[in-house]
Every structure is written in C-alpha cells, then in structure tokens.
Amino acid sequence: MKKITQQFILEFIAANDIPFIPTQPRLSIPIISRMCSKMEHLVKFDEIKICGNLIIDGHHRYLSSLIMNFELGQVETNLTSATKETPWSQIEFDENDWDSAAGIEHLNRLDAEYNKLELEFLRRITSNDE
C-alpha cells in the first residue's frame, strides 16, 4: 500500500471529484492510514452518516474508502445546528494520532469481533512498523 502522507492526501483530493462534503475541518493522517490498511485487507466498517451531500459522521472512513476504492455504505441522518460545511481544499490534515494506544487496541478488538478476524492480525496490519 502507498504510504499515506499529507502530500499524498492533498494530491488525491486535488485529482478527484469527491461527492460528499465534510463538516469536520480537521482529520488525522495516522487514523486514515490505519483505516486504509484495514480496507486493503477487506476489513468491513460501519456506514458513514450523511445528510444530503454532507458527511455528518465517518470522515476518516469516507476519505479512506475513496483512497482505497473500497465500498462503504451510507445511512441518512439529521443535521445539527453545529453542522458547518468545510471544502476538502480547506481541511487540515494533522500528522498527530488522535487515538491512544488503548484506543487503537479497543477499535481493533471491535473490528476483530465485527469481522470475525484474529485480533493479532489487526494489530499487525495497523502497527506503525508495517
């Protein structure tokens, strides 16, 4: 898999017409990278939540699915008063990992159970060593 960097993401966004519009102004590159790795190994994810053409929940999943050409479901939901569109060109991509080691372990456990996979497999494909 291609290394997921800020430059790679920015070039991907510039080169592609992305149908859904974000409502979150910042995303974490390490989270996107882990999700891309899981998608490369066909790990299933929950649907993203949308309202019309706005992403309400699932920004990291959505962008990762586009990068990996991975089919991801969508479910309609409602807007809140705090919902604000942010063009993809204005999203800030943070190099910091927003998930703690314990948080990553928790997500891997949930994904292992949901996908009926070995936890060790998910640990391996989401480690920084790969």
N, C-alpha and C. Protein backbone atom coordinates (compact mmCIF):
# COMPACT_ATOMS: atom_id res chain seq x y z
N MET A 1 0.84 -1.18 0.00
CA MET A 1 0.00 0.00 0.00
C MET A 1 0.89 1.24 0.00
N LYS A 2 0.47 2.24 -0.73
CA LYS A 2 1.19 3.50 -0.76
C LYS A 2 1.15 4.14 0.62
N LYS A 3 2.26 4.75 1.01
CA LYS A 3 2.30 5.43 2.31
C LYS A 3 1.34 6.62 2.28
N ILE A 4 0.51 6.69 3.29
CA ILE A 4 -0.49 7.76 3.38
C ILE A 4 0.18 8.96 4.07
N THR A 5 0.47 9.97 3.30
CA THR A 5 1.08 11.19 3.81
C THR A 5 0.16 12.37 3.50
N GLN A 6 0.47 13.50 4.09
CA GLN A 6 -0.31 14.70 3.81
C GLN A 6 -0.24 15.03 2.32
N GLN A 7 0.95 14.94 1.74
CA GLN A 7 1.11 15.25 0.32
C GLN A 7 0.28 14.30 -0.54
N PHE A 8 0.30 13.02 -0.21
CA PHE A 8 -0.49 12.04 -0.96
C PHE A 8 -1.98 12.40 -0.88
N ILE A 9 -2.46 12.70 0.33
CA ILE A 9 -3.87 13.02 0.53
C ILE A 9 -4.25 14.28 -0.24
N LEU A 10 -3.43 15.32 -0.17
CA LEU A 10 -3.73 16.57 -0.87
C LEU A 10 -3.77 16.35 -2.38
N GLU A 11 -2.84 15.57 -2.90
CA GLU A 11 -2.83 15.27 -4.33
C GLU A 11 -4.06 14.44 -4.72
N PHE A 12 -4.46 13.50 -3.86
CA PHE A 12 -5.64 12.69 -4.12
C PHE A 12 -6.88 13.57 -4.19
N ILE A 13 -7.03 14.46 -3.23
CA ILE A 13 -8.19 15.35 -3.20
C ILE A 13 -8.21 16.25 -4.44
N ALA A 14 -7.06 16.79 -4.81
CA ALA A 14 -6.99 17.67 -5.97
C ALA A 14 -7.32 16.95 -7.27
N ALA A 15 -7.01 15.66 -7.34
CA ALA A 15 -7.18 14.90 -8.58
C ALA A 15 -8.55 14.22 -8.69
N ASN A 16 -9.36 14.28 -7.65
CA ASN A 16 -10.63 13.54 -7.66
C ASN A 16 -11.81 14.43 -7.33
N ASP A 17 -12.93 14.13 -7.96
CA ASP A 17 -14.18 14.80 -7.64
C ASP A 17 -14.82 14.01 -6.51
N ILE A 18 -14.87 14.61 -5.33
CA ILE A 18 -15.36 13.91 -4.14
C ILE A 18 -16.81 14.34 -3.88
N PRO A 19 -17.74 13.39 -3.98
CA PRO A 19 -19.16 13.73 -3.92
C PRO A 19 -19.66 14.30 -2.59
N PHE A 20 -19.23 13.73 -1.47
CA PHE A 20 -19.73 14.20 -0.18
C PHE A 20 -18.82 15.29 0.39
N ILE A 21 -19.45 16.24 1.05
CA ILE A 21 -18.75 17.42 1.60
C ILE A 21 -18.54 17.22 3.10
N PRO A 22 -17.31 17.50 3.58
CA PRO A 22 -17.05 17.34 5.01
C PRO A 22 -17.72 18.41 5.87
N THR A 23 -17.97 18.06 7.10
CA THR A 23 -18.46 19.01 8.10
C THR A 23 -17.52 19.03 9.30
N GLN A 24 -16.34 18.49 9.11
CA GLN A 24 -15.30 18.44 10.14
C GLN A 24 -14.05 19.06 9.52
N PRO A 25 -13.46 20.08 10.13
CA PRO A 25 -12.37 20.81 9.49
C PRO A 25 -10.98 20.17 9.61
N ARG A 26 -10.84 19.14 10.44
CA ARG A 26 -9.53 18.51 10.64
C ARG A 26 -9.68 17.00 10.62
N LEU A 27 -8.65 16.33 10.08
CA LEU A 27 -8.61 14.87 10.08
C LEU A 27 -7.20 14.43 10.46
N SER A 28 -7.09 13.25 11.03
CA SER A 28 -5.81 12.71 11.49
C SER A 28 -5.25 11.74 10.44
N ILE A 29 -4.06 12.03 9.96
CA ILE A 29 -3.42 11.18 8.95
C ILE A 29 -3.17 9.76 9.48
N PRO A 30 -2.68 9.57 10.72
CA PRO A 30 -2.49 8.19 11.20
C PRO A 30 -3.79 7.38 11.24
N ILE A 31 -4.91 8.03 11.56
CA ILE A 31 -6.19 7.30 11.56
C ILE A 31 -6.55 6.89 10.13
N ILE A 32 -6.39 7.80 9.18
CA ILE A 32 -6.66 7.49 7.78
C ILE A 32 -5.76 6.33 7.33
N SER A 33 -4.50 6.37 7.70
CA SER A 33 -3.55 5.33 7.31
C SER A 33 -3.97 3.96 7.85
N ARG A 34 -4.39 3.91 9.14
CA ARG A 34 -4.84 2.64 9.72
C ARG A 34 -6.08 2.11 9.02
N MET A 35 -7.01 3.01 8.74
CA MET A 35 -8.23 2.58 8.05
C MET A 35 -7.92 2.07 6.65
N CYS A 36 -7.02 2.76 5.95
CA CYS A 36 -6.63 2.30 4.61
C CYS A 36 -6.01 0.91 4.68
N SER A 37 -5.19 0.68 5.69
CA SER A 37 -4.58 -0.64 5.85
C SER A 37 -5.64 -1.71 6.08
N LYS A 38 -6.61 -1.39 6.93
CA LYS A 38 -7.69 -2.35 7.18
C LYS A 38 -8.50 -2.58 5.91
N MET A 39 -8.79 -1.53 5.17
CA MET A 39 -9.57 -1.67 3.93
C MET A 39 -8.80 -2.47 2.89
N GLU A 40 -7.49 -2.29 2.85
CA GLU A 40 -6.67 -3.08 1.93
C GLU A 40 -6.84 -4.58 2.22
N HIS A 41 -7.08 -4.92 3.47
CA HIS A 41 -7.26 -6.31 3.89
C HIS A 41 -8.75 -6.68 4.01
N LEU A 42 -9.60 -5.86 3.40
CA LEU A 42 -11.04 -6.11 3.28
C LEU A 42 -11.79 -6.17 4.61
N VAL A 43 -11.29 -5.44 5.59
CA VAL A 43 -12.00 -5.33 6.87
C VAL A 43 -13.23 -4.46 6.64
N LYS A 44 -14.39 -4.93 7.10
CA LYS A 44 -15.64 -4.18 6.93
C LYS A 44 -15.77 -3.11 8.00
N PHE A 45 -16.46 -2.02 7.62
CA PHE A 45 -16.69 -0.90 8.52
C PHE A 45 -18.18 -0.56 8.55
N ASP A 46 -18.60 0.11 9.62
CA ASP A 46 -19.96 0.65 9.67
C ASP A 46 -20.13 1.72 8.59
N GLU A 47 -21.39 1.98 8.26
CA GLU A 47 -21.71 3.01 7.28
C GLU A 47 -21.34 4.39 7.80
N ILE A 48 -21.14 5.32 6.87
CA ILE A 48 -20.98 6.72 7.27
C ILE A 48 -22.38 7.31 7.36
N LYS A 49 -22.50 8.37 8.14
CA LYS A 49 -23.78 9.07 8.28
C LYS A 49 -23.71 10.34 7.43
N ILE A 50 -24.74 10.51 6.61
CA ILE A 50 -24.79 11.66 5.72
C ILE A 50 -26.14 12.35 5.86
N CYS A 51 -26.18 13.59 5.44
CA CYS A 51 -27.43 14.34 5.30
C CYS A 51 -27.33 15.06 3.97
N GLY A 52 -28.07 14.57 2.98
CA GLY A 52 -27.91 15.11 1.63
C GLY A 52 -26.53 14.76 1.13
N ASN A 53 -25.74 15.81 0.82
CA ASN A 53 -24.37 15.56 0.35
C ASN A 53 -23.33 15.90 1.42
N LEU A 54 -23.76 16.02 2.67
CA LEU A 54 -22.85 16.35 3.78
C LEU A 54 -22.51 15.11 4.59
N ILE A 55 -21.24 14.97 4.95
CA ILE A 55 -20.82 13.91 5.86
C ILE A 55 -21.09 14.40 7.28
N ILE A 56 -21.85 13.64 8.02
CA ILE A 56 -22.15 14.00 9.41
C ILE A 56 -21.24 13.21 10.35
N ASP A 57 -21.02 11.94 10.04
CA ASP A 57 -20.16 11.09 10.86
C ASP A 57 -19.47 10.08 9.95
N GLY A 58 -18.14 9.98 10.08
CA GLY A 58 -17.40 9.00 9.29
C GLY A 58 -16.43 9.62 8.30
N HIS A 59 -15.91 10.79 8.61
CA HIS A 59 -15.00 11.49 7.70
C HIS A 59 -13.74 10.67 7.37
N HIS A 60 -13.12 10.11 8.41
CA HIS A 60 -11.91 9.31 8.18
C HIS A 60 -12.23 8.07 7.34
N ARG A 61 -13.33 7.40 7.69
CA ARG A 61 -13.75 6.21 6.92
C ARG A 61 -14.03 6.56 5.47
N TYR A 62 -14.73 7.67 5.26
CA TYR A 62 -15.11 8.05 3.91
C TYR A 62 -13.88 8.34 3.05
N LEU A 63 -12.99 9.18 3.54
CA LEU A 63 -11.81 9.51 2.75
C LEU A 63 -10.95 8.27 2.52
N SER A 64 -10.80 7.45 3.54
CA SER A 64 -10.03 6.20 3.40
C SER A 64 -10.65 5.30 2.34
N SER A 65 -11.97 5.22 2.33
CA SER A 65 -12.65 4.36 1.35
C SER A 65 -12.43 4.87 -0.07
N LEU A 66 -12.38 6.16 -0.26
CA LEU A 66 -12.11 6.72 -1.59
C LEU A 66 -10.68 6.40 -2.02
N ILE A 67 -9.74 6.61 -1.12
CA ILE A 67 -8.34 6.33 -1.42
C ILE A 67 -8.15 4.86 -1.80
N MET A 68 -8.84 3.97 -1.10
CA MET A 68 -8.66 2.53 -1.31
C MET A 68 -9.66 1.94 -2.30
N ASN A 69 -10.54 2.79 -2.85
CA ASN A 69 -11.58 2.30 -3.77
C ASN A 69 -12.35 1.16 -3.10
N PHE A 70 -12.80 1.42 -1.90
CA PHE A 70 -13.44 0.45 -1.02
C PHE A 70 -14.90 0.84 -0.85
N GLU A 71 -15.80 -0.10 -1.06
CA GLU A 71 -17.23 0.21 -0.94
C GLU A 71 -17.61 0.37 0.52
N LEU A 72 -18.23 1.51 0.80
CA LEU A 72 -18.64 1.85 2.16
C LEU A 72 -20.09 2.32 2.11
N GLY A 73 -20.92 1.78 2.97
CA GLY A 73 -22.33 2.16 2.98
C GLY A 73 -22.55 3.54 3.57
N GLN A 74 -23.73 4.07 3.27
CA GLN A 74 -24.14 5.36 3.82
C GLN A 74 -25.54 5.22 4.40
N VAL A 75 -25.79 5.95 5.45
CA VAL A 75 -27.11 5.99 6.06
C VAL A 75 -27.46 7.47 6.29
N GLU A 76 -28.69 7.82 5.98
CA GLU A 76 -29.15 9.20 6.16
C GLU A 76 -29.36 9.50 7.64
N THR A 77 -29.03 10.71 8.02
CA THR A 77 -29.24 11.18 9.39
C THR A 77 -29.61 12.65 9.32
N ASN A 78 -29.75 13.29 10.46
CA ASN A 78 -30.16 14.69 10.51
C ASN A 78 -28.98 15.62 10.76
N LEU A 79 -29.15 16.87 10.35
CA LEU A 79 -28.18 17.91 10.66
C LEU A 79 -28.39 18.37 12.10
N THR A 80 -27.35 18.98 12.65
CA THR A 80 -27.50 19.68 13.93
C THR A 80 -27.23 21.15 13.68
N SER A 81 -27.50 21.97 14.65
CA SER A 81 -27.25 23.41 14.49
C SER A 81 -25.76 23.72 14.37
N ALA A 82 -24.91 22.79 14.79
CA ALA A 82 -23.46 22.99 14.72
C ALA A 82 -22.86 22.55 13.39
N THR A 83 -23.66 21.96 12.50
CA THR A 83 -23.14 21.45 11.23
C THR A 83 -22.71 22.60 10.34
N LYS A 84 -21.45 22.52 9.89
CA LYS A 84 -20.90 23.56 9.03
C LYS A 84 -20.05 22.90 7.94
N GLU A 85 -20.32 23.23 6.68
CA GLU A 85 -19.56 22.68 5.57
C GLU A 85 -18.13 23.21 5.58
N THR A 86 -17.20 22.34 5.21
CA THR A 86 -15.80 22.73 5.01
C THR A 86 -15.34 22.10 3.70
N PRO A 87 -14.96 22.91 2.72
CA PRO A 87 -14.48 22.32 1.45
C PRO A 87 -13.25 21.43 1.69
N TRP A 88 -13.14 20.37 0.89
CA TRP A 88 -11.99 19.46 1.03
C TRP A 88 -10.67 20.21 0.94
N SER A 89 -10.62 21.25 0.13
CA SER A 89 -9.37 22.01 -0.04
C SER A 89 -8.98 22.77 1.22
N GLN A 90 -9.90 22.91 2.17
CA GLN A 90 -9.61 23.64 3.40
C GLN A 90 -9.45 22.74 4.63
N ILE A 91 -9.54 21.44 4.42
CA ILE A 91 -9.36 20.51 5.55
C ILE A 91 -7.91 20.53 6.00
N GLU A 92 -7.70 20.57 7.30
CA GLU A 92 -6.36 20.48 7.87
C GLU A 92 -6.09 19.01 8.20
N PHE A 93 -4.97 18.51 7.69
CA PHE A 93 -4.59 17.12 7.95
C PHE A 93 -3.49 17.10 8.99
N ASP A 94 -3.83 16.55 10.14
CA ASP A 94 -2.96 16.53 11.31
C ASP A 94 -2.07 15.29 11.27
N GLU A 95 -0.78 15.49 11.45
CA GLU A 95 0.19 14.39 11.48
C GLU A 95 0.11 13.61 12.80
N ASN A 96 -0.54 14.20 13.80
CA ASN A 96 -0.65 13.56 15.11
C ASN A 96 -1.75 12.51 15.11
N ASP A 97 -1.52 11.47 15.89
CA ASP A 97 -2.51 10.41 16.04
C ASP A 97 -3.49 10.82 17.13
N TRP A 98 -4.73 10.88 16.79
CA TRP A 98 -5.75 11.27 17.76
C TRP A 98 -6.18 10.10 18.64
N ASP A 99 -5.78 8.90 18.29
CA ASP A 99 -6.11 7.71 19.07
C ASP A 99 -4.93 7.33 19.96
N SER A 100 -5.21 7.01 21.20
CA SER A 100 -4.18 6.49 22.10
C SER A 100 -3.94 5.03 21.75
N ALA A 101 -2.88 4.46 22.30
CA ALA A 101 -2.61 3.03 22.11
C ALA A 101 -3.79 2.20 22.61
N ALA A 102 -4.37 2.60 23.73
CA ALA A 102 -5.54 1.89 24.28
C ALA A 102 -6.74 2.04 23.35
N GLY A 103 -6.90 3.21 22.76
CA GLY A 103 -7.99 3.45 21.83
C GLY A 103 -7.86 2.62 20.57
N ILE A 104 -6.64 2.51 20.06
CA ILE A 104 -6.38 1.69 18.87
C ILE A 104 -6.67 0.23 19.19
N GLU A 105 -6.24 -0.23 20.35
CA GLU A 105 -6.49 -1.60 20.77
C GLU A 105 -8.00 -1.86 20.87
N HIS A 106 -8.73 -0.92 21.43
CA HIS A 106 -10.19 -1.05 21.55
C HIS A 106 -10.84 -1.16 20.17
N LEU A 107 -10.45 -0.29 19.25
CA LEU A 107 -11.01 -0.32 17.89
C LEU A 107 -10.64 -1.63 17.19
N ASN A 108 -9.41 -2.08 17.37
CA ASN A 108 -9.01 -3.36 16.77
C ASN A 108 -9.84 -4.52 17.33
N ARG A 109 -10.12 -4.49 18.63
CA ARG A 109 -10.95 -5.55 19.24
C ARG A 109 -12.36 -5.52 18.64
N LEU A 110 -12.93 -4.32 18.52
CA LEU A 110 -14.27 -4.20 17.94
C LEU A 110 -14.28 -4.69 16.48
N ASP A 111 -13.27 -4.28 15.72
CA ASP A 111 -13.19 -4.70 14.31
C ASP A 111 -12.96 -6.20 14.18
N ALA A 112 -12.16 -6.77 15.08
CA ALA A 112 -11.93 -8.22 15.05
C ALA A 112 -13.23 -8.96 15.28
N GLU A 113 -14.00 -8.52 16.28
CA GLU A 113 -15.27 -9.17 16.58
C GLU A 113 -16.26 -8.98 15.43
N TYR A 114 -16.39 -7.77 14.93
CA TYR A 114 -17.33 -7.45 13.86
C TYR A 114 -17.03 -8.23 12.57
N ASN A 115 -15.74 -8.39 12.29
CA ASN A 115 -15.31 -9.06 11.05
C ASN A 115 -14.95 -10.53 11.24
N LYS A 116 -15.04 -11.00 12.49
CA LYS A 116 -14.67 -12.39 12.81
C LYS A 116 -13.23 -12.68 12.37
N LEU A 117 -12.33 -11.78 12.79
CA LEU A 117 -10.91 -11.90 12.47
C LEU A 117 -10.11 -12.07 13.75
N GLU A 118 -8.89 -12.57 13.61
CA GLU A 118 -7.99 -12.66 14.74
C GLU A 118 -7.51 -11.27 15.13
N LEU A 119 -7.55 -10.97 16.41
CA LEU A 119 -7.11 -9.67 16.90
C LEU A 119 -5.65 -9.41 16.53
N GLU A 120 -4.82 -10.44 16.61
CA GLU A 120 -3.39 -10.28 16.31
C GLU A 120 -3.19 -9.82 14.85
N PHE A 121 -4.01 -10.31 13.95
CA PHE A 121 -3.93 -9.89 12.54
C PHE A 121 -4.16 -8.38 12.43
N LEU A 122 -5.19 -7.86 13.11
CA LEU A 122 -5.47 -6.43 13.06
C LEU A 122 -4.37 -5.62 13.74
N ARG A 123 -3.84 -6.14 14.82
CA ARG A 123 -2.71 -5.46 15.48
C ARG A 123 -1.54 -5.33 14.51
N ARG A 124 -1.27 -6.40 13.78
CA ARG A 124 -0.13 -6.41 12.86
C ARG A 124 -0.34 -5.41 11.71
N ILE A 125 -1.51 -5.41 11.10
CA ILE A 125 -1.71 -4.53 9.93
C ILE A 125 -1.89 -3.06 10.30
N THR A 126 -2.14 -2.78 11.57
CA THR A 126 -2.29 -1.39 11.97
C THR A 126 -1.10 -0.86 12.77
N SER A 127 -0.06 -1.68 12.91
CA SER A 127 1.11 -1.23 13.67
C SER A 127 1.91 -0.24 12.82
N ASN A 128 2.66 0.59 13.49
CA ASN A 128 3.49 1.58 12.81
C ASN A 128 4.69 0.95 12.11
N ASP A 129 4.97 -0.32 12.41
CA ASP A 129 6.14 -0.99 11.85
C ASP A 129 5.95 -1.42 10.40
N GLU A 130 4.68 -1.50 9.96
CA GLU A 130 4.41 -2.02 8.61
C GLU A 130 4.74 -1.00 7.56
